[in-house]
Structures are given as structure tokens and as C-alpha cells.
PDB file of N, CA and C in Angstrom:
ATOM      1  N   UNK A   1     -30.809 -20.840  40.378  1.00  0.00           N
ATOM      2  CA  UNK A   1     -29.557 -21.392  40.824  1.00  0.00           C
ATOM      3  C   UNK A   1     -29.830 -22.757  41.458  1.00  0.00           C
ATOM      4  N   UNK A   2     -28.959 -23.686  41.111  1.00  0.00           N
ATOM      5  CA  UNK A   2     -29.107 -25.035  41.669  1.00  0.00           C
ATOM      6  C   UNK A   2     -28.763 -25.045  43.159  1.00  0.00           C
ATOM      7  N   UNK A   3     -29.296 -26.027  43.841  1.00  0.00           N
ATOM      8  CA  UNK A   3     -29.056 -26.170  45.274  1.00  0.00           C
ATOM      9  C   UNK A   3     -27.567 -26.373  45.577  1.00  0.00           C
ATOM     10  N   UNK A   4     -26.869 -27.175  44.759  1.00  0.00           N
ATOM     11  CA  UNK A   4     -25.445 -27.416  45.004  1.00  0.00           C
ATOM     12  C   UNK A   4     -24.627 -26.131  44.821  1.00  0.00           C
ATOM     13  N   UNK A   5     -25.071 -25.262  43.911  1.00  0.00           N
ATOM     14  CA  UNK A   5     -24.384 -23.989  43.719  1.00  0.00           C
ATOM     15  C   UNK A   5     -24.616 -23.061  44.914  1.00  0.00           C
ATOM     16  N   UNK A   6     -25.831 -23.064  45.431  1.00  0.00           N
ATOM     17  CA  UNK A   6     -26.132 -22.274  46.626  1.00  0.00           C
ATOM     18  C   UNK A   6     -25.313 -22.768  47.809  1.00  0.00           C
ATOM     19  N   UNK A   7     -25.191 -24.079  47.922  1.00  0.00           N
ATOM     20  CA  UNK A   7     -24.402 -24.664  49.008  1.00  0.00           C
ATOM     21  C   UNK A   7     -22.923 -24.295  48.867  1.00  0.00           C
ATOM     22  N   UNK A   8     -22.435 -24.262  47.625  1.00  0.00           N
ATOM     23  CA  UNK A   8     -21.047 -23.857  47.388  1.00  0.00           C
ATOM     24  C   UNK A   8     -20.827 -22.415  47.845  1.00  0.00           C
ATOM     25  N   UNK A   9     -21.750 -21.540  47.492  1.00  0.00           N
ATOM     26  CA  UNK A   9     -21.651 -20.142  47.887  1.00  0.00           C
ATOM     27  C   UNK A   9     -21.639 -20.023  49.403  1.00  0.00           C
ATOM     28  N   UNK A  10     -22.549 -20.718  50.062  1.00  0.00           N
ATOM     29  CA  UNK A  10     -22.609 -20.668  51.525  1.00  0.00           C
ATOM     30  C   UNK A  10     -21.299 -21.148  52.148  1.00  0.00           C
ATOM     31  N   UNK A  11     -20.760 -22.260  51.647  1.00  0.00           N
ATOM     32  CA  UNK A  11     -19.513 -22.818  52.186  1.00  0.00           C
ATOM     33  C   UNK A  11     -18.341 -21.877  51.902  1.00  0.00           C
ATOM     34  N   UNK A  12     -18.297 -21.309  50.708  1.00  0.00           N
ATOM     35  CA  UNK A  12     -17.214 -20.393  50.336  1.00  0.00           C
ATOM     36  C   UNK A  12     -17.233 -19.154  51.228  1.00  0.00           C
ATOM     37  N   UNK A  13     -18.419 -18.570  51.421  1.00  0.00           N
ATOM     38  CA  UNK A  13     -18.526 -17.368  52.246  1.00  0.00           C
ATOM     39  C   UNK A  13     -18.161 -17.656  53.704  1.00  0.00           C
ATOM     40  N   UNK A  14     -18.516 -18.833  54.181  1.00  0.00           N
ATOM     41  CA  UNK A  14     -18.157 -19.223  55.548  1.00  0.00           C
ATOM     42  C   UNK A  14     -16.635 -19.356  55.676  1.00  0.00           C
ATOM     43  N   UNK A  15     -16.017 -20.004  54.701  1.00  0.00           N
ATOM     44  CA  UNK A  15     -14.562 -20.156  54.724  1.00  0.00           C
ATOM     45  C   UNK A  15     -13.880 -18.799  54.564  1.00  0.00           C
ATOM     46  N   UNK A  16     -14.419 -17.981  53.675  1.00  0.00           N
ATOM     47  CA  UNK A  16     -13.877 -16.643  53.442  1.00  0.00           C
ATOM     48  C   UNK A  16     -13.881 -15.836  54.736  1.00  0.00           C
ATOM     49  N   UNK A  17     -14.980 -15.903  55.460  1.00  0.00           N
ATOM     50  CA  UNK A  17     -15.103 -15.179  56.726  1.00  0.00           C
ATOM     51  C   UNK A  17     -14.069 -15.678  57.736  1.00  0.00           C
ATOM     52  N   UNK A  18     -13.902 -16.981  57.832  1.00  0.00           N
ATOM     53  CA  UNK A  18     -12.926 -17.544  58.759  1.00  0.00           C
ATOM     54  C   UNK A  18     -11.506 -17.104  58.439  1.00  0.00           C
ATOM     55  N   UNK A  19     -11.162 -17.133  57.160  1.00  0.00           N
ATOM     56  CA  UNK A  19      -9.830 -16.702  56.735  1.00  0.00           C
ATOM     57  C   UNK A  19      -9.651 -15.209  57.011  1.00  0.00           C
ATOM     58  N   UNK A  20     -10.677 -14.422  56.734  1.00  0.00           N
ATOM     59  CA  UNK A  20     -10.608 -12.971  56.961  1.00  0.00           C
ATOM     60  C   UNK A  20     -10.338 -12.674  58.428  1.00  0.00           C
ATOM     61  N   UNK A  21     -11.016 -13.350  59.306  1.00  0.00           N
ATOM     62  CA  UNK A  21     -10.858 -13.088  60.737  1.00  0.00           C
ATOM     63  C   UNK A  21      -9.471 -13.515  61.222  1.00  0.00           C
ATOM     64  N   UNK A  22      -9.037 -14.707  60.848  1.00  0.00           N
ATOM     65  CA  UNK A  22      -7.738 -15.180  61.348  1.00  0.00           C
ATOM     66  C   UNK A  22      -6.571 -14.428  60.721  1.00  0.00           C
ATOM     67  N   UNK A  23      -6.607 -14.199  59.414  1.00  0.00           N
ATOM     68  CA  UNK A  23      -5.515 -13.456  58.785  1.00  0.00           C
ATOM     69  C   UNK A  23      -5.522 -11.998  59.227  1.00  0.00           C
ATOM     70  N   UNK A  24      -6.716 -11.430  59.390  1.00  0.00           N
ATOM     71  CA  UNK A  24      -6.811 -10.050  59.856  1.00  0.00           C
ATOM     72  C   UNK A  24      -6.150  -9.886  61.207  1.00  0.00           C
ATOM     73  N   UNK A  25      -6.370 -10.843  62.075  1.00  0.00           N
ATOM     74  CA  UNK A  25      -5.749 -10.818  63.398  1.00  0.00           C
ATOM     75  C   UNK A  25      -4.235 -11.004  63.291  1.00  0.00           C
ATOM     76  N   UNK A  26      -3.805 -11.905  62.422  1.00  0.00           N
ATOM     77  CA  UNK A  26      -2.370 -12.140  62.232  1.00  0.00           C
ATOM     78  C   UNK A  26      -1.652 -10.899  61.717  1.00  0.00           C
ATOM     79  N   UNK A  27      -2.277 -10.203  60.777  1.00  0.00           N
ATOM     80  CA  UNK A  27      -1.632  -9.053  60.150  1.00  0.00           C
ATOM     81  C   UNK A  27      -1.755  -7.778  60.963  1.00  0.00           C
ATOM     82  N   UNK A  28      -2.938  -7.520  61.524  1.00  0.00           N
ATOM     83  CA  UNK A  28      -3.136  -6.234  62.196  1.00  0.00           C
ATOM     84  C   UNK A  28      -2.905  -6.304  63.695  1.00  0.00           C
ATOM     85  N   UNK A  29      -3.153  -7.463  64.293  1.00  0.00           N
ATOM     86  CA  UNK A  29      -2.963  -7.605  65.727  1.00  0.00           C
ATOM     87  C   UNK A  29      -3.853  -6.692  66.541  1.00  0.00           C
ATOM     88  N   UNK A  30      -4.960  -6.245  65.967  1.00  0.00           N
ATOM     89  CA  UNK A  30      -5.852  -5.330  66.680  1.00  0.00           C
ATOM     90  C   UNK A  30      -7.288  -5.575  66.242  1.00  0.00           C
ATOM     91  N   UNK A  31      -8.178  -4.771  66.792  1.00  0.00           N
ATOM     92  CA  UNK A  31      -9.583  -4.870  66.403  1.00  0.00           C
ATOM     93  C   UNK A  31      -9.821  -4.352  64.991  1.00  0.00           C
ATOM     94  N   UNK A  32      -8.966  -3.460  64.529  1.00  0.00           N
ATOM     95  CA  UNK A  32      -9.122  -2.870  63.196  1.00  0.00           C
ATOM     96  C   UNK A  32      -8.375  -3.731  62.182  1.00  0.00           C
ATOM     97  N   UNK A  33      -9.116  -4.523  61.420  1.00  0.00           N
ATOM     98  CA  UNK A  33      -8.490  -5.435  60.459  1.00  0.00           C
ATOM     99  C   UNK A  33      -7.773  -4.702  59.330  1.00  0.00           C
ATOM    100  N   UNK A  34      -8.042  -3.407  59.198  1.00  0.00           N
ATOM    101  CA  UNK A  34      -7.372  -2.606  58.165  1.00  0.00           C
ATOM    102  C   UNK A  34      -6.118  -1.908  58.685  1.00  0.00           C
ATOM    103  N   UNK A  35      -5.793  -2.091  59.956  1.00  0.00           N
ATOM    104  CA  UNK A  35      -4.700  -1.346  60.579  1.00  0.00           C
ATOM    105  C   UNK A  35      -3.388  -1.460  59.790  1.00  0.00           C
ATOM    106  N   UNK A  36      -2.980  -2.665  59.448  1.00  0.00           N
ATOM    107  CA  UNK A  36      -1.709  -2.819  58.740  1.00  0.00           C
ATOM    108  C   UNK A  36      -1.757  -2.177  57.355  1.00  0.00           C
ATOM    109  N   UNK A  37      -2.905  -2.207  56.716  1.00  0.00           N
ATOM    110  CA  UNK A  37      -3.033  -1.617  55.379  1.00  0.00           C
ATOM    111  C   UNK A  37      -3.025  -0.091  55.439  1.00  0.00           C
ATOM    112  N   UNK A  38      -3.521   0.451  56.537  1.00  0.00           N
ATOM    113  CA  UNK A  38      -3.549   1.907  56.697  1.00  0.00           C
ATOM    114  C   UNK A  38      -2.153   2.488  56.886  1.00  0.00           C
ATOM    115  N   UNK A  39      -1.176   1.647  57.173  1.00  0.00           N
ATOM    116  CA  UNK A  39       0.204   2.118  57.293  1.00  0.00           C
ATOM    117  C   UNK A  39       0.688   2.764  55.996  1.00  0.00           C
ATOM    118  N   UNK A  40       0.091   2.369  54.882  1.00  0.00           N
ATOM    119  CA  UNK A  40       0.463   2.959  53.598  1.00  0.00           C
ATOM    120  C   UNK A  40       0.244   4.470  53.592  1.00  0.00           C
ATOM    121  N   UNK A  41      -0.817   4.907  54.280  1.00  0.00           N
ATOM    122  CA  UNK A  41      -1.111   6.339  54.334  1.00  0.00           C
ATOM    123  C   UNK A  41       0.057   7.119  54.925  1.00  0.00           C
ATOM    124  N   UNK A  42       0.747   6.493  55.844  1.00  0.00           N
ATOM    125  CA  UNK A  42       1.901   7.127  56.502  1.00  0.00           C
ATOM    126  C   UNK A  42       2.998   7.473  55.495  1.00  0.00           C
ATOM    127  N   UNK A  43       3.070   6.704  54.432  1.00  0.00           N
ATOM    128  CA  UNK A  43       4.110   6.906  53.424  1.00  0.00           C
ATOM    129  C   UNK A  43       3.581   7.617  52.177  1.00  0.00           C
ATOM    130  N   UNK A  44       2.397   8.184  52.296  1.00  0.00           N
ATOM    131  CA  UNK A  44       1.850   8.971  51.201  1.00  0.00           C
ATOM    132  C   UNK A  44       1.080   8.181  50.154  1.00  0.00           C
ATOM    133  N   UNK A  45       0.770   6.928  50.451  1.00  0.00           N
ATOM    134  CA  UNK A  45       0.001   6.104  49.520  1.00  0.00           C
ATOM    135  C   UNK A  45      -1.383   5.859  50.094  1.00  0.00           C
ATOM    136  N   UNK A  46      -2.371   5.883  49.252  1.00  0.00           N
ATOM    137  CA  UNK A  46      -3.729   5.620  49.703  1.00  0.00           C
ATOM    138  C   UNK A  46      -3.911   4.129  49.952  1.00  0.00           C
ATOM    139  N   UNK A  47      -4.602   3.805  51.029  1.00  0.00           N
ATOM    140  CA  UNK A  47      -4.863   2.412  51.387  1.00  0.00           C
ATOM    141  C   UNK A  47      -5.531   1.655  50.239  1.00  0.00           C
ATOM    142  N   UNK A  48      -6.446   2.321  49.533  1.00  0.00           N
ATOM    143  CA  UNK A  48      -7.143   1.636  48.438  1.00  0.00           C
ATOM    144  C   UNK A  48      -6.172   1.213  47.339  1.00  0.00           C
ATOM    145  N   UNK A  49      -5.147   2.024  47.094  1.00  0.00           N
ATOM    146  CA  UNK A  49      -4.162   1.648  46.076  1.00  0.00           C
ATOM    147  C   UNK A  49      -3.346   0.440  46.533  1.00  0.00           C
ATOM    148  N   UNK A  50      -3.057   0.378  47.819  1.00  0.00           N
ATOM    149  CA  UNK A  50      -2.351  -0.783  48.364  1.00  0.00           C
ATOM    150  C   UNK A  50      -3.167  -2.049  48.224  1.00  0.00           C
ATOM    151  N   UNK A  51      -4.455  -1.931  48.476  1.00  0.00           N
ATOM    152  CA  UNK A  51      -5.336  -3.095  48.315  1.00  0.00           C
ATOM    153  C   UNK A  51      -5.422  -3.516  46.854  1.00  0.00           C
ATOM    154  N   UNK A  52      -5.504  -2.549  45.958  1.00  0.00           N
ATOM    155  CA  UNK A  52      -5.537  -2.872  44.527  1.00  0.00           C
ATOM    156  C   UNK A  52      -4.243  -3.559  44.093  1.00  0.00           C
ATOM    157  N   UNK A  53      -3.127  -3.121  44.651  1.00  0.00           N
ATOM    158  CA  UNK A  53      -1.848  -3.749  44.342  1.00  0.00           C
ATOM    159  C   UNK A  53      -1.844  -5.213  44.794  1.00  0.00           C
ATOM    160  N   UNK A  54      -2.324  -5.453  45.994  1.00  0.00           N
ATOM    161  CA  UNK A  54      -2.384  -6.829  46.499  1.00  0.00           C
ATOM    162  C   UNK A  54      -3.336  -7.679  45.656  1.00  0.00           C
ATOM    163  N   UNK A  55      -4.442  -7.092  45.236  1.00  0.00           N
ATOM    164  CA  UNK A  55      -5.383  -7.813  44.373  1.00  0.00           C
ATOM    165  C   UNK A  55      -4.720  -8.147  43.039  1.00  0.00           C
ATOM    166  N   UNK A  56      -3.939  -7.205  42.514  1.00  0.00           N
ATOM    167  CA  UNK A  56      -3.210  -7.454  41.267  1.00  0.00           C
ATOM    168  C   UNK A  56      -2.225  -8.598  41.424  1.00  0.00           C
ATOM    169  N   UNK A  57      -1.554  -8.649  42.586  1.00  0.00           N
ATOM    170  CA  UNK A  57      -0.630  -9.759  42.861  1.00  0.00           C
ATOM    171  C   UNK A  57      -1.365 -11.087  42.843  1.00  0.00           C
ATOM    172  N   UNK A  58      -2.546 -11.117  43.452  1.00  0.00           N
ATOM    173  CA  UNK A  58      -3.327 -12.364  43.505  1.00  0.00           C
ATOM    174  C   UNK A  58      -3.801 -12.765  42.106  1.00  0.00           C
ATOM    175  N   UNK A  59      -4.212 -11.795  41.306  1.00  0.00           N
ATOM    176  CA  UNK A  59      -4.658 -12.092  39.941  1.00  0.00           C
ATOM    177  C   UNK A  59      -3.496 -12.655  39.130  1.00  0.00           C
ATOM    178  N   UNK A  60      -2.322 -12.057  39.280  1.00  0.00           N
ATOM    179  CA  UNK A  60      -1.136 -12.564  38.589  1.00  0.00           C
ATOM    180  C   UNK A  60      -0.817 -13.986  39.034  1.00  0.00           C
ATOM    181  N   UNK A  61      -0.905 -14.208  40.326  1.00  0.00           N
ATOM    182  CA  UNK A  61      -0.643 -15.547  40.879  1.00  0.00           C
ATOM    183  C   UNK A  61      -1.658 -16.554  40.348  1.00  0.00           C
ATOM    184  N   UNK A  62      -2.926 -16.163  40.298  1.00  0.00           N
ATOM    185  CA  UNK A  62      -3.966 -17.047  39.769  1.00  0.00           C
ATOM    186  C   UNK A  62      -3.697 -17.396  38.307  1.00  0.00           C
ATOM    187  N   UNK A  63      -3.293 -16.401  37.531  1.00  0.00           N
ATOM    188  CA  UNK A  63      -2.994 -16.648  36.113  1.00  0.00           C
ATOM    189  C   UNK A  63      -1.861 -17.655  35.979  1.00  0.00           C
ATOM    190  N   UNK A  64      -0.832 -17.495  36.814  1.00  0.00           N
ATOM    191  CA  UNK A  64       0.294 -18.428  36.779  1.00  0.00           C
ATOM    192  C   UNK A  64      -0.146 -19.829  37.180  1.00  0.00           C
ATOM    193  N   UNK A  65      -0.943 -19.916  38.246  1.00  0.00           N
ATOM    194  CA  UNK A  65      -1.417 -21.228  38.702  1.00  0.00           C
ATOM    195  C   UNK A  65      -2.290 -21.912  37.647  1.00  0.00           C
ATOM    196  N   UNK A  66      -3.115 -21.144  36.970  1.00  0.00           N
ATOM    197  CA  UNK A  66      -3.961 -21.733  35.930  1.00  0.00           C
ATOM    198  C   UNK A  66      -3.123 -22.245  34.754  1.00  0.00           C
ATOM    199  N   UNK A  67      -2.044 -21.534  34.443  1.00  0.00           N
ATOM    200  CA  UNK A  67      -1.156 -21.980  33.363  1.00  0.00           C
ATOM    201  C   UNK A  67      -0.404 -23.252  33.743  1.00  0.00           C
ATOM    202  N   UNK A  68      -0.095 -23.383  35.032  1.00  0.00           N
ATOM    203  CA  UNK A  68       0.669 -24.550  35.499  1.00  0.00           C
ATOM    204  C   UNK A  68      -0.249 -25.622  36.083  1.00  0.00           C
ATOM    205  N   UNK A  69      -1.518 -25.518  35.739  1.00  0.00           N
ATOM    206  CA  UNK A  69      -2.531 -26.480  36.179  1.00  0.00           C
ATOM    207  C   UNK A  69      -2.633 -26.558  37.700  1.00  0.00           C
ATOM    208  N   UNK A  70      -2.458 -25.419  38.352  1.00  0.00           N
ATOM    209  CA  UNK A  70      -2.682 -25.328  39.787  1.00  0.00           C
ATOM    210  C   UNK A  70      -1.725 -26.094  40.662  1.00  0.00           C
ATOM    211  N   UNK A  71      -0.501 -26.272  40.195  1.00  0.00           N
ATOM    212  CA  UNK A  71       0.496 -26.998  40.989  1.00  0.00           C
ATOM    213  C   UNK A  71       1.456 -26.007  41.633  1.00  0.00           C
ATOM    214  N   UNK A  72       1.059 -25.471  42.798  1.00  0.00           N
ATOM    215  CA  UNK A  72       1.879 -24.446  43.439  1.00  0.00           C
ATOM    216  C   UNK A  72       2.976 -25.029  44.321  1.00  0.00           C
ATOM    217  N   UNK A  73       3.944 -24.185  44.602  1.00  0.00           N
ATOM    218  CA  UNK A  73       4.944 -24.529  45.606  1.00  0.00           C
ATOM    219  C   UNK A  73       4.432 -24.176  46.996  1.00  0.00           C
ATOM    220  N   UNK A  74       3.533 -23.196  47.072  1.00  0.00           N
ATOM    221  CA  UNK A  74       3.047 -22.735  48.372  1.00  0.00           C
ATOM    222  C   UNK A  74       1.529 -22.682  48.387  1.00  0.00           C
ATOM    223  N   UNK A  75       0.933 -21.519  48.164  1.00  0.00           N
ATOM    224  CA  UNK A  75      -0.508 -21.359  48.252  1.00  0.00           C
ATOM    225  C   UNK A  75      -1.225 -21.977  47.054  1.00  0.00           C
ATOM    226  N   UNK A  76      -2.352 -22.626  47.340  1.00  0.00           N
ATOM    227  CA  UNK A  76      -3.122 -23.292  46.292  1.00  0.00           C
ATOM    228  C   UNK A  76      -3.958 -22.286  45.498  1.00  0.00           C
ATOM    229  N   UNK A  77      -4.514 -22.765  44.414  1.00  0.00           N
ATOM    230  CA  UNK A  77      -5.430 -21.973  43.597  1.00  0.00           C
ATOM    231  C   UNK A  77      -6.590 -21.483  44.470  1.00  0.00           C
ATOM    232  N   UNK A  78      -7.146 -22.386  45.247  1.00  0.00           N
ATOM    233  CA  UNK A  78      -8.277 -22.047  46.117  1.00  0.00           C
ATOM    234  C   UNK A  78      -7.881 -20.975  47.141  1.00  0.00           C
ATOM    235  N   UNK A  79      -6.703 -21.108  47.736  1.00  0.00           N
ATOM    236  CA  UNK A  79      -6.228 -20.116  48.710  1.00  0.00           C
ATOM    237  C   UNK A  79      -6.154 -18.723  48.079  1.00  0.00           C
ATOM    238  N   UNK A  80      -5.665 -18.652  46.855  1.00  0.00           N
ATOM    239  CA  UNK A  80      -5.543 -17.368  46.169  1.00  0.00           C
ATOM    240  C   UNK A  80      -6.896 -16.790  45.796  1.00  0.00           C
ATOM    241  N   UNK A  81      -7.836 -17.645  45.428  1.00  0.00           N
ATOM    242  CA  UNK A  81      -9.198 -17.180  45.130  1.00  0.00           C
ATOM    243  C   UNK A  81      -9.826 -16.596  46.388  1.00  0.00           C
ATOM    244  N   UNK A  82      -9.646 -17.279  47.524  1.00  0.00           N
ATOM    245  CA  UNK A  82     -10.156 -16.763  48.800  1.00  0.00           C
ATOM    246  C   UNK A  82      -9.511 -15.425  49.149  1.00  0.00           C
ATOM    247  N   UNK A  83      -8.194 -15.340  48.980  1.00  0.00           N
ATOM    248  CA  UNK A  83      -7.490 -14.092  49.285  1.00  0.00           C
ATOM    249  C   UNK A  83      -7.993 -12.947  48.419  1.00  0.00           C
ATOM    250  N   UNK A  84      -8.207 -13.202  47.143  1.00  0.00           N
ATOM    251  CA  UNK A  84      -8.695 -12.160  46.242  1.00  0.00           C
ATOM    252  C   UNK A  84     -10.090 -11.692  46.669  1.00  0.00           C
ATOM    253  N   UNK A  85     -10.940 -12.639  47.017  1.00  0.00           N
ATOM    254  CA  UNK A  85     -12.286 -12.287  47.498  1.00  0.00           C
ATOM    255  C   UNK A  85     -12.191 -11.454  48.776  1.00  0.00           C
ATOM    256  N   UNK A  86     -11.289 -11.834  49.679  1.00  0.00           N
ATOM    257  CA  UNK A  86     -11.135 -11.088  50.924  1.00  0.00           C
ATOM    258  C   UNK A  86     -10.555  -9.700  50.682  1.00  0.00           C
ATOM    259  N   UNK A  87      -9.598  -9.576  49.776  1.00  0.00           N
ATOM    260  CA  UNK A  87      -9.086  -8.241  49.452  1.00  0.00           C
ATOM    261  C   UNK A  87     -10.189  -7.362  48.866  1.00  0.00           C
ATOM    262  N   UNK A  88     -11.083  -7.949  48.078  1.00  0.00           N
ATOM    263  CA  UNK A  88     -12.221  -7.195  47.540  1.00  0.00           C
ATOM    264  C   UNK A  88     -13.108  -6.693  48.676  1.00  0.00           C
ATOM    265  N   UNK A  89     -13.340  -7.553  49.648  1.00  0.00           N
ATOM    266  CA  UNK A  89     -14.145  -7.173  50.808  1.00  0.00           C
ATOM    267  C   UNK A  89     -13.450  -6.072  51.610  1.00  0.00           C
ATOM    268  N   UNK A  90     -12.141  -6.212  51.815  1.00  0.00           N
ATOM    269  CA  UNK A  90     -11.387  -5.191  52.548  1.00  0.00           C
ATOM    270  C   UNK A  90     -11.417  -3.850  51.822  1.00  0.00           C
ATOM    271  N   UNK A  91     -11.316  -3.877  50.500  1.00  0.00           N
ATOM    272  CA  UNK A  91     -11.377  -2.640  49.723  1.00  0.00           C
ATOM    273  C   UNK A  91     -12.734  -1.969  49.899  1.00  0.00           C
ATOM    274  N   UNK A  92     -13.794  -2.756  49.826  1.00  0.00           N
ATOM    275  CA  UNK A  92     -15.135  -2.221  50.020  1.00  0.00           C
ATOM    276  C   UNK A  92     -15.279  -1.634  51.429  1.00  0.00           C
ATOM    277  N   UNK A  93     -14.760  -2.346  52.426  1.00  0.00           N
ATOM    278  CA  UNK A  93     -14.800  -1.890  53.812  1.00  0.00           C
ATOM    279  C   UNK A  93     -14.053  -0.559  53.952  1.00  0.00           C
ATOM    280  N   UNK A  94     -12.864  -0.497  53.383  1.00  0.00           N
ATOM    281  CA  UNK A  94     -12.053   0.720  53.457  1.00  0.00           C
ATOM    282  C   UNK A  94     -12.772   1.901  52.803  1.00  0.00           C
ATOM    283  N   UNK A  95     -13.318   1.694  51.611  1.00  0.00           N
ATOM    284  CA  UNK A  95     -13.978   2.782  50.898  1.00  0.00           C
ATOM    285  C   UNK A  95     -15.206   3.283  51.649  1.00  0.00           C
ATOM    286  N   UNK A  96     -15.944   2.379  52.274  1.00  0.00           N
ATOM    287  CA  UNK A  96     -17.122   2.791  53.060  1.00  0.00           C
ATOM    288  C   UNK A  96     -16.704   3.560  54.308  1.00  0.00           C
ATOM    289  N   UNK A  97     -15.654   3.087  54.983  1.00  0.00           N
ATOM    290  CA  UNK A  97     -15.159   3.803  56.163  1.00  0.00           C
ATOM    291  C   UNK A  97     -14.652   5.191  55.777  1.00  0.00           C
ATOM    292  N   UNK A  98     -13.947   5.269  54.661  1.00  0.00           N
ATOM    293  CA  UNK A  98     -13.410   6.551  54.194  1.00  0.00           C
ATOM    294  C   UNK A  98     -14.541   7.514  53.846  1.00  0.00           C
ATOM    295  N   UNK A  99     -15.562   7.028  53.157  1.00  0.00           N
ATOM    296  CA  UNK A  99     -16.710   7.878  52.800  1.00  0.00           C
ATOM    297  C   UNK A  99     -17.433   8.359  54.057  1.00  0.00           C
ATOM    298  N   UNK A 100     -17.539   7.499  55.047  1.00  0.00           N
ATOM    299  CA  UNK A 100     -18.194   7.882  56.303  1.00  0.00           C
ATOM    300  C   UNK A 100     -17.394   8.971  57.005  1.00  0.00           C
ATOM    301  N   UNK A 101     -16.070   8.804  57.074  1.00  0.00           N
ATOM    302  CA  UNK A 101     -15.219   9.825  57.708  1.00  0.00           C
ATOM    303  C   UNK A 101     -15.347  11.156  56.971  1.00  0.00           C
ATOM    304  N   UNK A 102     -15.340  11.102  55.645  1.00  0.00           N
ATOM    305  CA  UNK A 102     -15.457  12.336  54.848  1.00  0.00           C
ATOM    306  C   UNK A 102     -16.805  13.007  55.060  1.00  0.00           C
ATOM    307  N   UNK A 103     -17.870  12.202  55.130  1.00  0.00           N
ATOM    308  CA  UNK A 103     -19.209  12.753  55.340  1.00  0.00           C
ATOM    309  C   UNK A 103     -19.332  13.400  56.716  1.00  0.00           C
ATOM    310  N   UNK A 104     -18.584  12.867  57.682  1.00  0.00           N
ATOM    311  CA  UNK A 104     -18.611  13.418  59.040  1.00  0.00           C
ATOM    312  C   UNK A 104     -17.586  14.527  59.229  1.00  0.00           C
ATOM    313  N   UNK A 105     -16.854  14.853  58.160  1.00  0.00           N
ATOM    314  CA  UNK A 105     -15.878  15.934  58.199  1.00  0.00           C
ATOM    315  C   UNK A 105     -14.573  15.572  58.896  1.00  0.00           C
ATOM    316  N   UNK A 106     -14.335  14.288  59.087  1.00  0.00           N
ATOM    317  CA  UNK A 106     -13.090  13.845  59.708  1.00  0.00           C
ATOM    318  C   UNK A 106     -12.004  13.713  58.648  1.00  0.00           C
ATOM    319  N   UNK A 107     -10.791  13.990  59.066  1.00  0.00           N
ATOM    320  CA  UNK A 107      -9.662  13.788  58.172  1.00  0.00           C
ATOM    321  C   UNK A 107      -9.150  12.373  58.351  1.00  0.00           C
ATOM    322  N   UNK A 108      -8.472  11.874  57.334  1.00  0.00           N
ATOM    323  CA  UNK A 108      -7.869  10.559  57.459  1.00  0.00           C
ATOM    324  C   UNK A 108      -6.858  10.583  58.595  1.00  0.00           C
ATOM    325  N   UNK A 109      -6.871   9.533  59.377  1.00  0.00           N
ATOM    326  CA  UNK A 109      -5.973   9.436  60.514  1.00  0.00           C
ATOM    327  C   UNK A 109      -4.640   8.876  60.051  1.00  0.00           C
ATOM    328  N   UNK A 110      -3.585   9.615  60.313  1.00  0.00           N
ATOM    329  CA  UNK A 110      -2.250   9.137  59.996  1.00  0.00           C
ATOM    330  C   UNK A 110      -1.717   8.384  61.215  1.00  0.00           C
ATOM    331  N   UNK A 111      -1.254   7.199  61.007  1.00  0.00           N
ATOM    332  CA  UNK A 111      -0.738   6.400  62.113  1.00  0.00           C
ATOM    333  C   UNK A 111       0.676   6.854  62.459  1.00  0.00           C
ATOM    334  N   UNK A 112       1.044   6.734  63.743  1.00  0.00           N
ATOM    335  CA  UNK A 112       2.402   7.155  64.140  1.00  0.00           C
ATOM    336  C   UNK A 112       3.457   6.271  63.541  1.00  0.00           C
TER     337      UNK A 112
END
């Protein structure tokens, strides 16, 4: 891998982390960045399916932006790529937390 590609990865991951932390705080308002997504469980939907739905929305948005040469009214192509990467990370986080709870014999916590 070229040095400029490694630098791109480092910069992207740094930006991704910053967006994850700030948006996570905006959406969940708590220490648990998955809190708002776990609300789906309350309505009988698995959190992972909600994350997949959001990822599908981002993929659809990316396809539209690529067709229109990235000229958005709101979020840019780059913003959507970051969001998709972050949703992938959140899905991985959720699945690992769920597997840990199951291994420890805990039931999924339903939020009030």
C-alpha cells in the first residue's frame, strides 16, 4: 500500500471516530451510543435490523449521489460514506455486545 493511501486511511478513521462520538452523543444523549437504536427492541424489532435499514438508506443515498455526480441538497457523498462506515461499526458493536450478553446468560434489556 502506498504511503498516501495509508495516510488516507488514517485520516478517514480519525474523522470517522470524531463523527461517531459527536453524532452518538447527539442521538443517544448518554454513555451508551447504541441507546437510541435499542429503542427498536421495545417495538419488537431487533436493533441489528434497524442498523441494516439505516445502512440500506445510506447505500440508496450514495447510489443517487453517484448518479447525480455528488451534487446533494444536504449531506455530501463523503458524509454518507462516513455514515455508512459508522453504521457498520455500530452493527459490529451491537452484535458483539449481544453475543456477550447471551454468553453470560443475560436477556436483552427492554427499555422503558
